[in-house]
């Protein structure tokens, strides 16, 4: 078993040696951020009920928005075709 682990360890060790200095830089930053994040948790928890009310309303609006996008894309397509036709007429005249 140990004979199987050693070749993998020799591959992983150089990668670990590169990562450790980066971790030494990142860990103090994370330690500073954790208290700030913990302060934000109650505010986020207060907003959860509001979000739970808004989400169904937003989901109800999705089909309407999809229809508006289709209509808008259709109008753009018509305008594009019109300008292409006018441009071709302009070139040939």
Protein backbone atom coordinates (compact mmCIF):
# COMPACT_ATOMS: atom_id res chain seq x y z
CA UNK A 1 0.00 0.00 0.00
CA UNK A 2 2.77 2.43 0.93
CA UNK A 3 4.54 1.61 -2.34
CA UNK A 4 1.43 2.72 -4.22
CA UNK A 5 1.13 6.00 -2.30
CA UNK A 6 4.75 7.16 -2.60
CA UNK A 7 4.77 7.79 -6.38
CA UNK A 8 1.60 9.88 -6.07
CA UNK A 9 3.04 11.78 -3.12
CA UNK A 10 6.12 12.71 -5.13
CA UNK A 11 3.84 14.15 -7.83
CA UNK A 12 1.68 16.07 -5.37
CA UNK A 13 4.45 17.44 -3.14
CA UNK A 14 5.77 20.07 -5.63
CA UNK A 15 2.24 21.34 -6.18
CA UNK A 16 1.65 21.54 -2.44
CA UNK A 17 4.91 23.46 -2.00
CA UNK A 18 3.67 26.05 -4.50
CA UNK A 19 0.27 26.36 -2.86
CA UNK A 20 1.41 26.74 0.77
CA UNK A 21 2.91 30.25 0.34
CA UNK A 22 -0.27 31.38 -1.39
CA UNK A 23 -2.31 30.03 1.49
CA UNK A 24 -0.14 31.97 3.94
CA UNK A 25 -1.13 35.15 2.09
CA UNK A 26 -4.81 34.31 1.77
CA UNK A 27 -5.53 33.01 5.29
CA UNK A 28 -5.05 36.39 7.07
CA UNK A 29 -7.36 38.04 4.55
CA UNK A 30 -9.98 35.38 5.16
CA UNK A 31 -9.60 35.80 8.90
CA UNK A 32 -10.35 39.51 8.49
CA UNK A 33 -13.37 38.83 6.29
CA UNK A 34 -15.07 36.24 8.48
CA UNK A 35 -16.26 38.69 11.18
CA UNK A 36 -17.62 41.03 8.49
CA UNK A 37 -19.47 38.16 6.85
CA UNK A 38 -20.87 37.04 10.19
CA UNK A 39 -22.21 40.57 10.75
CA UNK A 40 -24.02 40.40 7.41
CA UNK A 41 -25.78 37.10 8.13
CA UNK A 42 -28.63 38.59 10.23
CA UNK A 43 -29.32 41.19 7.52
CA UNK A 44 -29.44 38.47 4.89
CA UNK A 45 -31.75 36.36 7.02
CA UNK A 46 -34.11 39.34 7.36
CA UNK A 47 -34.33 39.58 3.57
CA UNK A 48 -35.10 35.91 2.97
CA UNK A 49 -38.89 36.26 3.50
CA UNK A 50 -38.98 39.21 1.08
CA UNK A 51 -37.08 37.23 -1.51
CA UNK A 52 -39.39 34.26 -1.05
CA UNK A 53 -42.33 36.56 -1.83
CA UNK A 54 -40.66 38.15 -4.85
CA UNK A 55 -39.40 34.96 -6.51
CA UNK A 56 -42.86 33.57 -7.45
CA UNK A 57 -43.87 36.98 -8.81
CA UNK A 58 -40.72 37.11 -10.91
CA UNK A 59 -41.33 33.58 -12.18
CA UNK A 60 -44.86 34.56 -13.20
CA UNK A 61 -43.42 37.38 -15.29
CA UNK A 62 -40.99 35.16 -17.22
CA UNK A 63 -43.47 34.18 -19.99
CA UNK A 64 -44.42 37.83 -20.50
CA UNK A 65 -40.78 38.84 -20.75
CA UNK A 66 -40.12 35.98 -23.17
CA UNK A 67 -43.00 37.16 -25.36
CA UNK A 68 -41.72 40.73 -25.29
CA UNK A 69 -38.24 39.53 -26.30
CA UNK A 70 -39.72 37.50 -29.18
CA UNK A 71 -41.67 40.52 -30.39
CA UNK A 72 -38.64 42.75 -30.08
CA UNK A 73 -36.45 40.26 -31.97
CA UNK A 74 -39.14 39.95 -34.62
CA UNK A 75 -39.23 43.72 -35.07
CA UNK A 76 -35.45 43.85 -35.31
CA UNK A 77 -35.55 41.08 -37.92
CA UNK A 78 -38.13 43.01 -39.98
CA UNK A 79 -36.09 46.20 -39.72
CA UNK A 80 -32.91 44.33 -40.69
CA UNK A 81 -34.61 42.80 -43.71
CA UNK A 82 -35.99 46.20 -44.72
CA UNK A 83 -32.59 47.88 -44.49
CA UNK A 84 -30.92 45.02 -46.35
CA UNK A 85 -33.49 45.35 -49.12
CA UNK A 86 -33.07 49.12 -49.25
CA UNK A 87 -29.28 48.77 -49.25
CA UNK A 88 -29.40 46.28 -52.14
CA UNK A 89 -31.72 48.60 -54.07
CA UNK A 90 -29.35 51.50 -53.38
CA UNK A 91 -26.33 49.52 -54.61
CA UNK A 92 -27.99 48.40 -57.83
CA UNK A 93 -29.48 51.82 -58.62
